[in-house]
Amino acid sequence: MKMKEFDRLVKVVATLRKKCPWDREQTHETLKPYMVEEVYEAIEAIDSGDRRKLCEELGDMLLHIVMHAEMGRGEKTFNIKDVVKVITAKMIRRHPHVFGGKKTKELSEIWEKWEEIKKAEAGEKHKGILESVPQSLPALYRADKVQRRAARVGFDWDLVVGAWSKVREEVGEIEEVLGKHAKSRLKEEIGDLLFAIVNVTRKSEIDAEEALQSATSKFMRRFREIEKKASEKGVKVKELGIKCMDKIWEDVKKNER
């Protein structure tokens, strides 16, 4: 990409901030939901394999970066050059095995050095390797990230069977409290079960978020067949009855296999 194209984008955003009523009113806070939405749309484009769509969605993400930088420039706190300068310096600093004198190909050593550098950057503010995991991440992503961080320092199951035994243990605890204790206790136990399941997916080298997204899409695909049958019969879905819906569901499963 020629720099003049990037500079043009910066100028376009600056113009929008001056002349567009909607853009002019936006703040770092008001753009948060749109920013999250763009990230998910980019992920969806990756999953679809549509590279043209991915290019478009990455452009939308870049627009947000430039917009926030323009806001920073207006506040006189930072600008787009600062953003580029900071990330470039950070990547060089955190990759001494690439840009420094020490060469290594061992991932464990690379991760260890990465954490050491992060601690040095944060100074006294850094209280542990888990503190920098954003709380605003989707729950499954956050659980996976926390577990991976802990695993880097050896706090992990040796084998996936150990993680699976924990799942069975958590299921047993849910059975014990189900219908007998306050909802807060049940909520806690279900949370423990979900966290344990993420451990199993991680140890199996499966992305928990993608697995659940896939399961949800499968449910939607099968449920659409129930809706289709109801439409063919000229009735509402709920009028089919649970037995009929279950029969359609099982037929769809058989056909898929």
Protein backbone atom coordinates (compact mmCIF):
# COMPACT_ATOMS: atom_id res chain seq x y z
CA MET A 1 0.00 0.00 0.00
CA LYS A 2 1.32 3.41 -0.95
CA MET A 3 1.53 5.73 2.02
CA LYS A 4 -0.45 8.35 0.14
CA GLU A 5 -3.50 6.01 0.30
CA PHE A 6 -3.19 5.80 4.06
CA ASP A 7 -2.66 9.56 4.32
CA ARG A 8 -5.79 10.04 2.22
CA LEU A 9 -7.80 7.91 4.64
CA VAL A 10 -6.53 10.00 7.56
CA LYS A 11 -7.61 13.18 5.75
CA VAL A 12 -11.03 11.72 4.91
CA VAL A 13 -11.62 10.85 8.56
CA ALA A 14 -10.50 14.32 9.65
CA THR A 15 -13.00 15.81 7.20
CA LEU A 16 -15.76 13.57 8.52
CA ARG A 17 -15.04 14.69 12.07
CA LYS A 18 -15.44 18.31 10.95
CA LYS A 19 -18.37 18.14 8.55
CA CYS A 20 -20.48 15.04 9.26
CA PRO A 21 -22.97 15.61 12.13
CA TRP A 22 -22.92 11.93 13.15
CA ASP A 23 -19.14 11.47 13.04
CA ARG A 24 -18.59 14.76 14.81
CA GLU A 25 -20.67 13.63 17.79
CA GLN A 26 -18.91 10.30 18.28
CA THR A 27 -16.52 9.61 21.18
CA HIS A 28 -14.19 6.75 22.10
CA GLU A 29 -17.01 5.39 24.27
CA THR A 30 -19.85 5.63 21.74
CA LEU A 31 -17.82 3.79 19.08
CA LYS A 32 -17.11 0.77 21.30
CA PRO A 33 -20.08 -1.38 20.18
CA TYR A 34 -19.42 -0.61 16.50
CA MET A 35 -15.76 -1.50 16.93
CA VAL A 36 -16.63 -4.87 18.46
CA GLU A 37 -19.14 -5.49 15.67
CA GLU A 38 -16.50 -4.88 13.00
CA VAL A 39 -14.12 -7.37 14.62
CA TYR A 40 -16.79 -10.06 14.57
CA GLU A 41 -17.67 -9.30 10.97
CA ALA A 42 -14.00 -9.74 10.06
CA ILE A 43 -13.96 -13.08 11.89
CA GLU A 44 -17.07 -14.14 9.99
CA ALA A 45 -15.36 -13.22 6.71
CA ILE A 46 -12.35 -15.34 7.67
CA ASP A 47 -14.61 -18.29 8.48
CA SER A 48 -16.46 -17.92 5.17
CA GLY A 49 -13.22 -17.98 3.17
CA ASP A 50 -14.33 -14.88 1.27
CA ARG A 51 -11.09 -12.91 0.95
CA ARG A 52 -12.75 -9.95 -0.80
CA LYS A 53 -15.13 -9.66 2.12
CA LEU A 54 -12.22 -9.96 4.57
CA CYS A 55 -10.44 -7.11 2.77
CA GLU A 56 -13.54 -4.96 3.16
CA GLU A 57 -13.98 -5.81 6.84
CA LEU A 58 -10.32 -5.12 7.62
CA GLY A 59 -10.85 -1.72 6.02
CA ASP A 60 -13.75 -1.11 8.40
CA MET A 61 -11.50 -2.05 11.33
CA LEU A 62 -8.79 0.29 10.07
CA LEU A 63 -11.36 3.07 9.82
CA HIS A 64 -12.05 2.71 13.54
CA ILE A 65 -8.35 2.91 14.38
CA VAL A 66 -7.97 6.07 12.34
CA MET A 67 -11.16 7.54 13.81
CA HIS A 68 -9.96 6.99 17.39
CA ALA A 69 -6.58 8.45 16.46
CA GLU A 70 -8.29 11.52 15.01
CA MET A 71 -10.23 11.92 18.24
CA GLY A 72 -6.96 11.67 20.13
CA ARG A 73 -5.47 14.34 17.90
CA GLY A 74 -8.41 16.60 18.65
CA GLU A 75 -7.91 16.02 22.37
CA LYS A 76 -4.18 16.60 21.93
CA THR A 77 -3.44 13.28 23.63
CA PHE A 78 -2.15 11.22 20.67
CA ASN A 79 -2.42 10.95 16.88
CA ILE A 80 -2.13 8.26 14.22
CA LYS A 81 1.64 8.64 14.04
CA ASP A 82 1.85 7.94 17.76
CA VAL A 83 -0.29 4.83 17.34
CA VAL A 84 1.99 3.47 14.61
CA LYS A 85 5.13 4.44 16.50
CA VAL A 86 4.01 2.76 19.74
CA ILE A 87 3.00 -0.56 18.15
CA THR A 88 6.13 -0.71 16.01
CA ALA A 89 8.38 -0.15 19.01
CA LYS A 90 6.41 -2.69 21.07
CA MET A 91 6.71 -5.43 18.45
CA ILE A 92 10.46 -4.89 18.10
CA ARG A 93 10.91 -4.79 21.88
CA ARG A 94 8.86 -7.95 22.47
CA HIS A 95 10.60 -9.97 19.76
CA PRO A 96 14.27 -10.00 20.79
CA HIS A 97 14.57 -13.43 19.14
CA VAL A 98 13.85 -11.71 15.82
CA PHE A 99 15.24 -8.17 16.17
CA GLY A 100 17.73 -8.69 19.00
CA GLY A 101 20.92 -10.63 19.41
CA LYS A 102 19.42 -13.67 21.12
CA LYS A 103 18.07 -16.25 18.69
CA THR A 104 15.71 -19.05 19.69
CA LYS A 105 13.02 -21.18 18.11
CA GLU A 106 11.66 -22.68 21.34
CA LEU A 107 8.11 -21.42 21.84
CA SER A 108 8.26 -21.91 25.63
CA GLU A 109 11.31 -19.68 25.85
CA ILE A 110 9.74 -17.10 23.54
CA TRP A 111 6.57 -16.93 25.69
CA GLU A 112 8.63 -16.68 28.88
CA LYS A 113 10.62 -13.78 27.48
CA TRP A 114 7.41 -12.14 26.23
CA GLU A 115 5.96 -12.18 29.74
CA GLU A 116 9.19 -10.83 31.24
CA ILE A 117 9.15 -7.93 28.80
CA LYS A 118 5.48 -7.20 29.55
CA LYS A 119 6.22 -7.14 33.28
CA ALA A 120 9.10 -4.74 32.72
CA GLU A 121 6.87 -2.51 30.59
CA ALA A 122 4.10 -2.43 33.19
CA GLY A 123 6.46 -1.92 36.14
CA GLU A 124 4.71 -2.02 39.51
CA LYS A 125 1.29 -1.99 37.86
CA HIS A 126 1.75 -5.57 36.67
CA LYS A 127 0.58 -7.95 39.38
CA GLY A 128 0.55 -11.25 37.50
CA ILE A 129 0.40 -12.95 34.12
CA LEU A 130 -3.41 -13.03 34.15
CA GLU A 131 -4.03 -9.39 35.03
CA SER A 132 -3.72 -8.12 31.47
CA VAL A 133 -6.39 -10.46 30.07
CA PRO A 134 -9.27 -8.09 29.18
CA GLN A 135 -12.43 -8.67 31.18
CA SER A 136 -14.48 -7.47 28.22
CA LEU A 137 -13.47 -10.46 26.07
CA PRO A 138 -16.24 -12.94 25.22
CA ALA A 139 -16.40 -15.45 28.08
CA LEU A 140 -15.13 -18.47 26.13
CA TYR A 141 -12.21 -16.53 24.64
CA ARG A 142 -11.34 -15.10 28.05
CA ALA A 143 -11.44 -18.52 29.73
CA ASP A 144 -9.22 -20.00 27.01
CA LYS A 145 -6.74 -17.12 27.24
CA VAL A 146 -6.53 -17.34 31.05
CA GLN A 147 -5.95 -21.09 30.88
CA ARG A 148 -3.25 -20.74 28.24
CA ARG A 149 -1.46 -18.10 30.32
CA ALA A 150 -1.50 -20.37 33.38
CA ALA A 151 -0.33 -23.31 31.27
CA ARG A 152 2.78 -21.38 30.19
CA VAL A 153 4.09 -21.54 33.75
CA GLY A 154 3.18 -25.21 34.20
CA PHE A 155 -0.24 -24.89 35.88
CA ASP A 156 -2.08 -27.30 33.60
CA TRP A 157 -3.33 -30.84 33.19
CA ASP A 158 -0.71 -33.21 31.79
CA LEU A 159 -3.28 -34.93 29.57
CA VAL A 160 -6.75 -34.14 28.27
CA VAL A 161 -8.18 -37.04 30.32
CA GLY A 162 -7.38 -35.07 33.47
CA ALA A 163 -9.35 -32.11 32.15
CA TRP A 164 -12.23 -34.41 31.19
CA SER A 165 -12.37 -35.93 34.68
CA LYS A 166 -12.82 -32.39 35.98
CA VAL A 167 -15.81 -31.97 33.66
CA ARG A 168 -17.43 -35.09 35.13
CA GLU A 169 -16.72 -33.79 38.62
CA GLU A 170 -18.40 -30.46 37.83
CA VAL A 171 -21.43 -32.22 36.32
CA GLY A 172 -21.79 -34.16 39.57
CA GLU A 173 -21.69 -30.96 41.58
CA ILE A 174 -24.44 -29.45 39.44
CA GLU A 175 -26.60 -32.52 39.97
CA GLU A 176 -26.14 -32.11 43.72
CA VAL A 177 -27.32 -28.48 43.83
CA LEU A 178 -29.93 -28.55 41.04
CA GLY A 179 -33.28 -27.55 42.52
CA LYS A 180 -31.92 -27.65 46.07
CA HIS A 181 -29.90 -24.46 46.45
CA ALA A 182 -30.08 -20.78 45.60
CA LYS A 183 -29.67 -19.76 41.97
CA SER A 184 -26.34 -18.09 42.83
CA ARG A 185 -24.89 -21.47 43.82
CA LEU A 186 -26.16 -23.11 40.64
CA LYS A 187 -24.76 -20.23 38.60
CA GLU A 188 -21.36 -20.77 40.18
CA GLU A 189 -21.36 -24.52 39.49
CA ILE A 190 -22.48 -24.04 35.88
CA GLY A 191 -19.69 -21.50 35.44
CA ASP A 192 -17.21 -24.05 36.77
CA LEU A 193 -18.53 -26.62 34.29
CA LEU A 194 -18.19 -24.25 31.34
CA PHE A 195 -14.65 -23.34 32.43
CA ALA A 196 -13.78 -27.05 32.69
CA ILE A 197 -15.17 -27.73 29.20
CA VAL A 198 -13.00 -24.94 27.80
CA ASN A 199 -10.03 -26.75 29.35
CA VAL A 200 -10.95 -29.89 27.42
CA THR A 201 -11.28 -28.01 24.12
CA ARG A 202 -7.97 -26.24 24.71
CA LYS A 203 -6.15 -29.48 25.53
CA SER A 204 -7.71 -31.01 22.40
CA GLU A 205 -6.48 -28.04 20.32
CA ILE A 206 -10.04 -27.00 19.53
CA ASP A 207 -11.23 -23.39 19.75
CA ALA A 208 -14.11 -23.33 22.25
CA GLU A 209 -15.68 -20.24 20.69
CA GLU A 210 -15.65 -21.77 17.21
CA ALA A 211 -17.00 -25.07 18.54
CA LEU A 212 -19.96 -23.36 20.21
CA GLN A 213 -20.59 -21.16 17.16
CA SER A 214 -20.64 -24.29 15.01
CA ALA A 215 -23.05 -26.04 17.37
CA THR A 216 -25.32 -22.98 17.40
CA SER A 217 -25.33 -22.83 13.59
CA LYS A 218 -26.16 -26.54 13.47
CA PHE A 219 -29.08 -26.02 15.85
CA MET A 220 -30.36 -23.15 13.70
CA ARG A 221 -30.06 -25.24 10.53
CA ARG A 222 -32.04 -28.11 12.03
CA PHE A 223 -34.65 -25.82 13.60
CA ARG A 224 -35.26 -24.21 10.21
CA GLU A 225 -36.45 -27.62 9.00
CA ILE A 226 -38.99 -27.69 11.83
CA GLU A 227 -40.19 -24.25 10.77
CA LYS A 228 -40.34 -25.45 7.16
CA LYS A 229 -42.51 -28.44 8.10
CA ALA A 230 -44.83 -26.22 10.12
CA SER A 231 -45.18 -23.90 7.12
CA GLU A 232 -45.97 -26.84 4.84
CA LYS A 233 -48.70 -27.96 7.25
CA GLY A 234 -50.04 -24.42 7.47
CA VAL A 235 -49.63 -24.21 11.24
CA LYS A 236 -47.49 -22.32 13.72
CA VAL A 237 -44.34 -24.08 14.98
CA LYS A 238 -45.65 -24.41 18.54
CA GLU A 239 -48.78 -26.12 17.19
CA LEU A 240 -46.70 -29.04 15.91
CA GLY A 241 -46.18 -30.33 19.43
CA ILE A 242 -42.92 -31.49 20.98
CA LYS A 243 -43.24 -35.11 19.73
CA CYS A 244 -43.62 -33.98 16.13
CA MET A 245 -40.76 -31.49 16.47
CA ASP A 246 -38.51 -34.17 17.96
CA LYS A 247 -39.37 -36.52 15.07
CA ILE A 248 -38.46 -33.88 12.48
CA TRP A 249 -35.27 -33.08 14.39
CA GLU A 250 -34.16 -36.73 14.44
CA ASP A 251 -34.97 -37.12 10.73
CA VAL A 252 -32.80 -34.11 9.93
CA LYS A 253 -29.94 -35.58 11.99
CA LYS A 254 -30.19 -38.88 10.12
CA ASN A 255 -30.16 -37.13 6.75
CA GLU A 256 -27.11 -35.10 7.72
CA ARG A 257 -25.20 -38.24 8.59
